[in-house]
C-alpha cells in the first residue's frame, strides 16, 4: 500500500517513483531538468520533492567521499559484544570516535556492528582498545566492495 500524507493521494505514486528514480540516478539534478525528465512543470516537481522530504521518504542529501582518496586505505567492521551493563556505553563511545562512520545495534551474539575507516592497519589497535573497555570485539577487514552503498529498491520498480 503506497504511503499517503494526511489521508491525501498516495505519496508513492508513479510520478513520485519516477522523481525518486531520477534523483537516485543523478542526485544533483536541477529541478528544471528533473521536471523535464518527468514531464511536469518545475513548481509541480518542487512541490512533490518537498512532500517527499516532509514525509521522510527523502531523508536528506549527502556528499559521498572516497576514503582511499583521503588516505584512509583500511576499512573494517567491528562487532562488539558488551560486558554486563555496558550496552549504552558502546553507542556513546562510537559517536565520539571520528574513524567510526557507521554504528548499528544488531541481533545475535554481538550487539553492535561498527564500520571504521583508517589510514593503516596499525591504527586499528587504538580504536579496538577503546571498545575493549566495554566489551569483546571481533573484527573483519574489508578486502573489496563489489556492491557499494546504494539506495534501497523503490516499491514496484524493477
N, C-alpha and C. Protein backbone atom coordinates (compact mmCIF):
# COMPACT_ATOMS: atom_id res chain seq x y z
N UNK A 1 0.85 -1.18 0.00
CA UNK A 1 0.00 0.00 0.00
C UNK A 1 0.89 1.24 0.00
N UNK A 2 0.74 2.13 -0.96
CA UNK A 2 1.58 3.32 -1.01
C UNK A 2 1.35 4.24 0.18
N UNK A 3 2.39 4.90 0.62
CA UNK A 3 2.28 5.85 1.71
C UNK A 3 1.41 7.01 1.28
N UNK A 4 0.63 7.54 2.22
CA UNK A 4 -0.18 8.72 1.95
C UNK A 4 0.10 9.74 3.04
N UNK A 5 -0.03 11.01 2.73
CA UNK A 5 0.18 12.07 3.69
C UNK A 5 -1.17 12.64 4.07
N UNK A 6 -1.51 12.60 5.36
CA UNK A 6 -2.77 13.17 5.87
C UNK A 6 -3.98 12.70 5.08
N UNK A 7 -4.05 11.43 4.72
CA UNK A 7 -5.19 10.89 4.01
C UNK A 7 -5.30 11.37 2.56
N UNK A 8 -4.30 12.05 2.06
CA UNK A 8 -4.32 12.57 0.70
C UNK A 8 -3.96 11.46 -0.29
N UNK A 9 -3.69 11.86 -1.52
CA UNK A 9 -3.29 10.90 -2.56
C UNK A 9 -2.08 10.10 -2.09
N UNK A 10 -1.94 8.89 -2.61
CA UNK A 10 -0.76 8.10 -2.23
C UNK A 10 0.53 8.85 -2.56
N UNK A 11 1.44 8.83 -1.62
CA UNK A 11 2.70 9.56 -1.79
C UNK A 11 3.60 8.89 -2.81
N UNK A 12 3.60 7.57 -2.84
CA UNK A 12 4.48 6.86 -3.76
C UNK A 12 3.74 6.47 -5.03
N UNK A 13 3.16 7.46 -5.69
CA UNK A 13 2.50 7.21 -6.96
C UNK A 13 3.55 7.07 -8.06
N UNK A 14 3.11 6.78 -9.26
CA UNK A 14 4.03 6.52 -10.37
C UNK A 14 4.95 7.72 -10.65
N UNK A 15 4.42 8.92 -10.54
CA UNK A 15 5.24 10.11 -10.83
C UNK A 15 6.31 10.30 -9.75
N UNK A 16 5.93 10.17 -8.49
CA UNK A 16 6.92 10.33 -7.42
C UNK A 16 7.98 9.23 -7.48
N UNK A 17 7.59 8.04 -7.88
CA UNK A 17 8.58 6.97 -8.05
C UNK A 17 9.54 7.32 -9.18
N UNK A 18 9.05 7.94 -10.24
CA UNK A 18 9.95 8.40 -11.32
C UNK A 18 10.87 9.50 -10.83
N UNK A 19 10.32 10.44 -10.04
CA UNK A 19 11.13 11.51 -9.46
C UNK A 19 12.25 10.91 -8.61
N UNK A 20 11.89 9.96 -7.75
CA UNK A 20 12.90 9.32 -6.90
C UNK A 20 13.93 8.57 -7.72
N UNK A 21 13.49 7.85 -8.74
CA UNK A 21 14.43 7.10 -9.59
C UNK A 21 15.42 8.05 -10.26
N UNK A 22 14.93 9.17 -10.74
CA UNK A 22 15.83 10.15 -11.38
C UNK A 22 16.82 10.72 -10.37
N UNK A 23 16.36 11.02 -9.16
CA UNK A 23 17.25 11.58 -8.14
C UNK A 23 18.26 10.54 -7.65
N UNK A 24 17.86 9.28 -7.60
CA UNK A 24 18.81 8.23 -7.22
C UNK A 24 19.91 8.13 -8.26
N UNK A 25 19.50 8.17 -9.53
CA UNK A 25 20.49 8.05 -10.62
C UNK A 25 21.40 9.26 -10.70
N UNK A 26 20.85 10.44 -10.39
CA UNK A 26 21.63 11.67 -10.51
C UNK A 26 21.16 12.68 -9.46
N UNK A 27 21.65 12.58 -8.23
CA UNK A 27 21.15 13.41 -7.13
C UNK A 27 21.33 14.91 -7.31
N UNK A 28 22.23 15.33 -8.17
CA UNK A 28 22.49 16.76 -8.33
C UNK A 28 21.65 17.40 -9.44
N UNK A 29 20.63 16.70 -9.91
CA UNK A 29 19.77 17.27 -10.95
C UNK A 29 19.12 18.57 -10.48
N UNK A 30 19.05 19.52 -11.38
CA UNK A 30 18.31 20.74 -11.05
C UNK A 30 16.82 20.41 -11.13
N UNK A 31 16.01 21.20 -10.47
CA UNK A 31 14.57 21.00 -10.51
C UNK A 31 14.07 21.13 -11.94
N UNK A 32 14.62 22.07 -12.71
CA UNK A 32 14.19 22.26 -14.10
C UNK A 32 14.47 21.00 -14.93
N UNK A 33 15.64 20.43 -14.78
CA UNK A 33 15.98 19.21 -15.52
C UNK A 33 15.12 18.04 -15.05
N UNK A 34 14.95 17.92 -13.75
CA UNK A 34 14.11 16.87 -13.20
C UNK A 34 12.68 16.99 -13.72
N UNK A 35 12.16 18.19 -13.75
CA UNK A 35 10.80 18.42 -14.25
C UNK A 35 10.68 18.00 -15.71
N UNK A 36 11.67 18.34 -16.53
CA UNK A 36 11.64 17.94 -17.95
C UNK A 36 11.64 16.42 -18.07
N UNK A 37 12.45 15.76 -17.27
CA UNK A 37 12.57 14.30 -17.36
C UNK A 37 11.28 13.59 -16.96
N UNK A 38 10.53 14.16 -16.03
CA UNK A 38 9.29 13.50 -15.62
C UNK A 38 8.06 14.11 -16.28
N UNK A 39 8.28 15.11 -17.14
CA UNK A 39 7.18 15.69 -17.92
C UNK A 39 6.22 16.54 -17.12
N UNK A 40 6.76 17.31 -16.18
CA UNK A 40 5.93 18.19 -15.35
C UNK A 40 6.57 19.57 -15.27
N UNK A 41 5.83 20.51 -14.72
CA UNK A 41 6.38 21.85 -14.51
C UNK A 41 7.32 21.84 -13.31
N UNK A 42 8.23 22.80 -13.30
CA UNK A 42 9.18 22.89 -12.19
C UNK A 42 8.47 23.13 -10.85
N UNK A 43 7.46 24.01 -10.78
CA UNK A 43 6.77 24.18 -9.48
C UNK A 43 6.08 22.90 -9.00
N UNK A 44 5.51 22.12 -9.93
CA UNK A 44 4.85 20.88 -9.53
C UNK A 44 5.87 19.87 -8.99
N UNK A 45 7.02 19.79 -9.64
CA UNK A 45 8.07 18.87 -9.18
C UNK A 45 8.64 19.35 -7.84
N UNK A 46 8.82 20.65 -7.70
CA UNK A 46 9.30 21.20 -6.43
C UNK A 46 8.37 20.82 -5.29
N UNK A 47 7.07 20.93 -5.53
CA UNK A 47 6.09 20.56 -4.51
C UNK A 47 6.16 19.08 -4.17
N UNK A 48 6.32 18.25 -5.19
CA UNK A 48 6.41 16.80 -4.95
C UNK A 48 7.66 16.46 -4.15
N UNK A 49 8.79 17.05 -4.52
CA UNK A 49 10.03 16.78 -3.79
C UNK A 49 9.90 17.25 -2.34
N UNK A 50 9.28 18.40 -2.14
CA UNK A 50 9.08 18.93 -0.80
C UNK A 50 8.20 17.98 0.03
N UNK A 51 7.13 17.45 -0.58
CA UNK A 51 6.26 16.50 0.14
C UNK A 51 7.03 15.22 0.49
N UNK A 52 7.89 14.77 -0.43
CA UNK A 52 8.70 13.57 -0.15
C UNK A 52 9.67 13.82 1.01
N UNK A 53 10.19 15.04 1.10
CA UNK A 53 11.04 15.41 2.23
C UNK A 53 10.23 15.41 3.52
N UNK A 54 9.10 16.10 3.50
CA UNK A 54 8.27 16.24 4.70
C UNK A 54 7.79 14.89 5.22
N UNK A 55 7.55 13.95 4.33
CA UNK A 55 7.09 12.62 4.73
C UNK A 55 8.24 11.73 5.18
N UNK A 56 9.47 12.19 5.00
CA UNK A 56 10.62 11.40 5.41
C UNK A 56 11.07 10.37 4.39
N UNK A 57 10.47 10.38 3.20
CA UNK A 57 10.91 9.46 2.14
C UNK A 57 12.31 9.87 1.69
N UNK A 58 12.50 11.15 1.44
CA UNK A 58 13.84 11.68 1.18
C UNK A 58 14.35 12.17 2.53
N UNK A 59 15.35 11.46 3.05
CA UNK A 59 15.86 11.77 4.38
C UNK A 59 16.91 12.88 4.35
N UNK A 60 17.47 13.15 3.20
CA UNK A 60 18.49 14.18 3.10
C UNK A 60 19.39 13.92 1.92
N UNK A 61 20.40 14.73 1.80
CA UNK A 61 21.39 14.60 0.74
C UNK A 61 22.75 14.56 1.41
N UNK A 62 23.68 13.83 0.82
CA UNK A 62 25.00 13.75 1.43
C UNK A 62 26.07 13.72 0.36
N UNK A 63 27.24 14.08 0.77
CA UNK A 63 28.41 14.02 -0.10
C UNK A 63 29.06 12.66 0.11
N UNK A 64 29.31 11.93 -0.96
CA UNK A 64 29.92 10.61 -0.88
C UNK A 64 31.41 10.76 -1.15
N UNK A 65 32.21 10.56 -0.12
CA UNK A 65 33.66 10.70 -0.25
C UNK A 65 34.31 9.33 -0.43
N UNK A 66 35.41 9.29 -1.16
CA UNK A 66 36.18 8.07 -1.34
C UNK A 66 37.22 8.01 -0.23
N UNK A 67 37.06 7.10 0.74
CA UNK A 67 38.02 7.05 1.86
C UNK A 67 39.46 6.87 1.41
N UNK A 68 39.71 6.03 0.41
CA UNK A 68 41.08 5.80 -0.06
C UNK A 68 41.70 7.08 -0.60
N UNK A 69 40.92 7.90 -1.28
CA UNK A 69 41.44 9.17 -1.81
C UNK A 69 41.80 10.13 -0.69
N UNK A 70 41.26 9.90 0.51
CA UNK A 70 41.58 10.72 1.68
C UNK A 70 42.70 10.10 2.52
N UNK A 71 43.29 9.02 2.01
CA UNK A 71 44.36 8.35 2.73
C UNK A 71 43.87 7.33 3.75
N UNK A 72 42.58 7.02 3.72
CA UNK A 72 42.01 6.03 4.63
C UNK A 72 41.88 4.72 3.87
N UNK A 73 42.96 3.96 3.84
CA UNK A 73 43.07 2.78 2.98
C UNK A 73 42.55 1.49 3.62
N UNK A 74 42.21 1.54 4.90
CA UNK A 74 41.73 0.34 5.59
C UNK A 74 40.29 0.58 6.04
N UNK A 75 39.41 -0.33 5.65
CA UNK A 75 38.02 -0.32 6.13
C UNK A 75 37.82 -1.61 6.90
N UNK A 76 37.21 -1.49 8.06
CA UNK A 76 36.97 -2.67 8.89
C UNK A 76 35.59 -2.59 9.51
N UNK A 77 35.05 -3.77 9.79
CA UNK A 77 33.81 -3.89 10.55
C UNK A 77 34.17 -4.50 11.89
N UNK A 78 33.69 -3.88 12.94
CA UNK A 78 33.95 -4.35 14.30
C UNK A 78 32.62 -4.77 14.90
N UNK A 79 32.55 -6.01 15.34
CA UNK A 79 31.38 -6.47 16.08
C UNK A 79 31.72 -6.40 17.56
N UNK A 80 30.79 -5.88 18.35
CA UNK A 80 31.05 -5.73 19.78
C UNK A 80 29.98 -6.46 20.58
N UNK A 81 30.45 -7.30 21.49
CA UNK A 81 29.58 -7.98 22.46
C UNK A 81 29.87 -7.33 23.81
N UNK A 82 28.96 -6.44 24.27
CA UNK A 82 29.22 -5.69 25.51
C UNK A 82 29.27 -6.59 26.75
N UNK A 83 30.06 -6.15 27.71
CA UNK A 83 30.03 -6.77 29.03
C UNK A 83 28.73 -6.36 29.70
N UNK A 84 28.38 -6.99 30.81
CA UNK A 84 27.15 -6.67 31.54
C UNK A 84 27.08 -5.18 31.87
N UNK A 85 25.92 -4.60 31.63
CA UNK A 85 25.62 -3.20 31.95
C UNK A 85 26.46 -2.18 31.16
N UNK A 86 27.04 -2.59 30.04
CA UNK A 86 27.88 -1.69 29.25
C UNK A 86 27.27 -1.36 27.88
N UNK A 87 26.08 -1.86 27.61
CA UNK A 87 25.47 -1.73 26.29
C UNK A 87 25.42 -0.29 25.78
N UNK A 88 24.87 0.62 26.57
CA UNK A 88 24.72 2.00 26.10
C UNK A 88 26.05 2.72 25.95
N UNK A 89 27.06 2.28 26.68
CA UNK A 89 28.37 2.94 26.60
C UNK A 89 29.03 2.71 25.25
N UNK A 90 28.72 1.59 24.60
CA UNK A 90 29.30 1.30 23.28
C UNK A 90 28.82 2.34 22.27
N UNK A 91 27.52 2.58 22.22
CA UNK A 91 26.96 3.56 21.28
C UNK A 91 27.49 4.96 21.58
N UNK A 92 27.54 5.32 22.86
CA UNK A 92 28.05 6.63 23.24
C UNK A 92 29.50 6.80 22.79
N UNK A 93 30.31 5.78 23.00
CA UNK A 93 31.71 5.83 22.60
C UNK A 93 31.85 5.93 21.08
N UNK A 94 31.07 5.13 20.36
CA UNK A 94 31.15 5.14 18.89
C UNK A 94 30.89 6.54 18.33
N UNK A 95 30.00 7.27 18.95
CA UNK A 95 29.69 8.62 18.48
C UNK A 95 30.86 9.58 18.64
N UNK A 96 31.78 9.27 19.52
CA UNK A 96 32.90 10.19 19.78
C UNK A 96 34.15 9.88 18.96
N UNK A 97 34.17 8.75 18.28
CA UNK A 97 35.37 8.33 17.53
C UNK A 97 35.23 8.70 16.07
N UNK A 98 36.03 9.62 15.56
CA UNK A 98 35.88 10.10 14.18
C UNK A 98 36.02 9.00 13.12
N UNK A 99 36.82 7.99 13.40
CA UNK A 99 37.02 6.91 12.43
C UNK A 99 35.78 6.04 12.25
N UNK A 100 34.85 6.10 13.20
CA UNK A 100 33.60 5.34 13.12
C UNK A 100 32.66 6.08 12.17
N UNK A 101 32.29 5.42 11.06
CA UNK A 101 31.39 6.05 10.09
C UNK A 101 29.98 5.45 10.14
N UNK A 102 29.84 4.30 10.79
CA UNK A 102 28.52 3.69 10.99
C UNK A 102 28.55 2.90 12.29
N UNK A 103 27.40 2.87 12.96
CA UNK A 103 27.25 2.04 14.15
C UNK A 103 25.81 1.56 14.17
N UNK A 104 25.62 0.25 14.20
CA UNK A 104 24.29 -0.34 14.16
C UNK A 104 24.10 -1.27 15.35
N UNK A 105 22.96 -1.16 16.01
CA UNK A 105 22.58 -2.14 17.04
C UNK A 105 22.00 -3.33 16.29
N UNK A 106 22.50 -4.52 16.56
CA UNK A 106 22.12 -5.70 15.79
C UNK A 106 21.65 -6.83 16.71
N UNK A 107 21.03 -7.83 16.10
CA UNK A 107 20.63 -9.02 16.83
C UNK A 107 21.75 -10.04 16.78
N UNK A 108 21.63 -11.06 17.61
CA UNK A 108 22.63 -12.12 17.63
C UNK A 108 23.53 -12.00 18.85
N UNK A 109 24.61 -12.74 18.83
CA UNK A 109 25.53 -12.74 19.97
C UNK A 109 26.18 -11.38 20.19
N UNK A 110 26.51 -10.70 19.11
CA UNK A 110 27.08 -9.35 19.22
C UNK A 110 25.92 -8.36 19.21
N UNK A 111 26.13 -7.23 19.84
CA UNK A 111 25.06 -6.22 19.92
C UNK A 111 25.27 -5.03 18.99
N UNK A 112 26.51 -4.83 18.56
CA UNK A 112 26.81 -3.69 17.69
C UNK A 112 27.67 -4.11 16.52
N UNK A 113 27.41 -3.48 15.38
CA UNK A 113 28.25 -3.62 14.20
C UNK A 113 28.72 -2.21 13.85
N UNK A 114 30.02 -2.03 13.83
CA UNK A 114 30.62 -0.70 13.66
C UNK A 114 31.56 -0.73 12.46
N UNK A 115 31.42 0.27 11.60
CA UNK A 115 32.29 0.39 10.43
C UNK A 115 33.27 1.53 10.68
N UNK A 116 34.56 1.26 10.40
CA UNK A 116 35.59 2.27 10.57
C UNK A 116 36.43 2.40 9.30
N UNK A 117 36.96 3.58 9.08
CA UNK A 117 37.94 3.85 8.03
C UNK A 117 39.21 4.34 8.72
N UNK A 118 40.35 3.75 8.34
CA UNK A 118 41.62 4.07 8.99
C UNK A 118 42.71 4.26 7.94
N UNK A 119 43.75 5.04 8.27
CA UNK A 119 44.84 5.23 7.31
C UNK A 119 45.70 3.97 7.14
N UNK A 120 45.84 3.18 8.20
CA UNK A 120 46.69 1.99 8.14
C UNK A 120 46.21 0.97 9.16
N UNK A 121 46.57 -0.29 8.92
CA UNK A 121 46.15 -1.38 9.80
C UNK A 121 46.64 -1.19 11.23
N UNK A 122 47.80 -0.58 11.40
CA UNK A 122 48.33 -0.41 12.76
C UNK A 122 47.51 0.58 13.59
N UNK A 123 46.62 1.32 12.96
CA UNK A 123 45.73 2.25 13.67
C UNK A 123 44.53 1.53 14.29
N UNK A 124 44.29 0.29 13.85
CA UNK A 124 43.13 -0.46 14.32
C UNK A 124 43.19 -0.73 15.83
N UNK A 125 44.37 -1.04 16.34
CA UNK A 125 44.51 -1.32 17.77
C UNK A 125 44.00 -0.17 18.63
N UNK A 126 44.30 1.04 18.23
CA UNK A 126 43.88 2.21 19.01
C UNK A 126 42.36 2.28 19.13
N UNK A 127 41.66 2.02 18.02
CA UNK A 127 40.21 2.05 18.03
C UNK A 127 39.66 0.86 18.83
N UNK A 128 40.19 -0.33 18.58
CA UNK A 128 39.72 -1.51 19.29
C UNK A 128 39.92 -1.39 20.80
N UNK A 129 41.06 -0.86 21.21
CA UNK A 129 41.34 -0.71 22.64
C UNK A 129 40.28 0.14 23.35
N UNK A 130 39.74 1.10 22.66
CA UNK A 130 38.71 1.95 23.28
C UNK A 130 37.42 1.16 23.51
N UNK A 131 37.10 0.24 22.59
CA UNK A 131 35.88 -0.57 22.76
C UNK A 131 36.09 -1.73 23.73
N UNK A 132 37.31 -2.24 23.82
CA UNK A 132 37.59 -3.39 24.67
C UNK A 132 37.36 -3.11 26.15
N UNK A 133 37.31 -1.86 26.54
CA UNK A 133 36.98 -1.50 27.91
C UNK A 133 35.55 -1.92 28.25
N UNK A 134 34.67 -1.92 27.24
CA UNK A 134 33.24 -2.16 27.45
C UNK A 134 32.74 -3.49 26.92
N UNK A 135 33.57 -4.21 26.17
CA UNK A 135 33.09 -5.48 25.63
C UNK A 135 34.13 -6.20 24.80
N UNK A 136 33.73 -7.35 24.29
CA UNK A 136 34.58 -8.18 23.45
C UNK A 136 34.38 -7.78 21.99
N UNK A 137 35.45 -7.69 21.22
CA UNK A 137 35.35 -7.30 19.81
C UNK A 137 35.77 -8.43 18.89
N UNK A 138 35.18 -8.43 17.71
CA UNK A 138 35.59 -9.29 16.61
C UNK A 138 35.66 -8.39 15.39
N UNK A 139 36.77 -8.45 14.67
CA UNK A 139 36.99 -7.51 13.57
C UNK A 139 37.15 -8.24 12.25
N UNK A 140 36.56 -7.66 11.21
CA UNK A 140 36.73 -8.14 9.83
C UNK A 140 37.25 -6.98 9.00
N UNK A 141 38.34 -7.23 8.27
CA UNK A 141 38.92 -6.23 7.37
C UNK A 141 38.28 -6.39 6.00
N UNK A 142 37.87 -5.29 5.39
CA UNK A 142 37.27 -5.32 4.05
C UNK A 142 38.39 -5.50 3.02
N UNK A 143 38.25 -6.53 2.19
CA UNK A 143 39.21 -6.75 1.10
C UNK A 143 38.79 -6.03 -0.16
N UNK A 144 37.49 -6.10 -0.47
CA UNK A 144 36.95 -5.40 -1.64
C UNK A 144 35.46 -5.17 -1.39
N UNK A 145 34.87 -4.32 -2.20
CA UNK A 145 33.46 -3.97 -2.05
C UNK A 145 32.75 -4.08 -3.39
N UNK A 146 32.27 -5.29 -3.74
CA UNK A 146 31.61 -5.45 -5.03
C UNK A 146 30.28 -4.71 -5.14
N UNK A 147 29.64 -4.40 -4.01
CA UNK A 147 28.41 -3.59 -4.01
C UNK A 147 28.61 -2.47 -3.01
N UNK A 148 28.74 -1.26 -3.52
CA UNK A 148 28.90 -0.10 -2.65
C UNK A 148 27.55 0.37 -2.16
N UNK A 149 27.54 1.30 -1.22
CA UNK A 149 26.31 1.86 -0.69
C UNK A 149 25.41 2.32 -1.84
N UNK A 150 24.17 1.89 -1.79
CA UNK A 150 23.21 2.30 -2.82
C UNK A 150 21.86 2.49 -2.17
N UNK A 151 20.97 3.12 -2.90
CA UNK A 151 19.62 3.36 -2.40
C UNK A 151 18.85 2.05 -2.32
N UNK A 152 17.89 1.98 -1.38
CA UNK A 152 17.05 0.77 -1.34
C UNK A 152 16.17 0.71 -2.59
N UNK A 153 15.66 -0.47 -2.92
CA UNK A 153 14.81 -0.57 -4.11
C UNK A 153 13.50 0.21 -3.91
N UNK A 154 13.06 0.82 -4.98
CA UNK A 154 11.79 1.55 -4.93
C UNK A 154 10.65 0.54 -5.08
N UNK A 155 9.57 0.70 -4.33
CA UNK A 155 8.44 -0.24 -4.44
C UNK A 155 7.88 -0.28 -5.85
N UNK A 156 7.71 -1.46 -6.39
CA UNK A 156 7.09 -1.62 -7.70
C UNK A 156 7.98 -1.26 -8.88
N UNK A 157 9.24 -0.90 -8.63
CA UNK A 157 10.15 -0.53 -9.71
C UNK A 157 11.22 -1.61 -9.81
N UNK A 158 11.38 -2.16 -10.98
CA UNK A 158 12.37 -3.23 -11.18
C UNK A 158 13.69 -2.66 -11.63
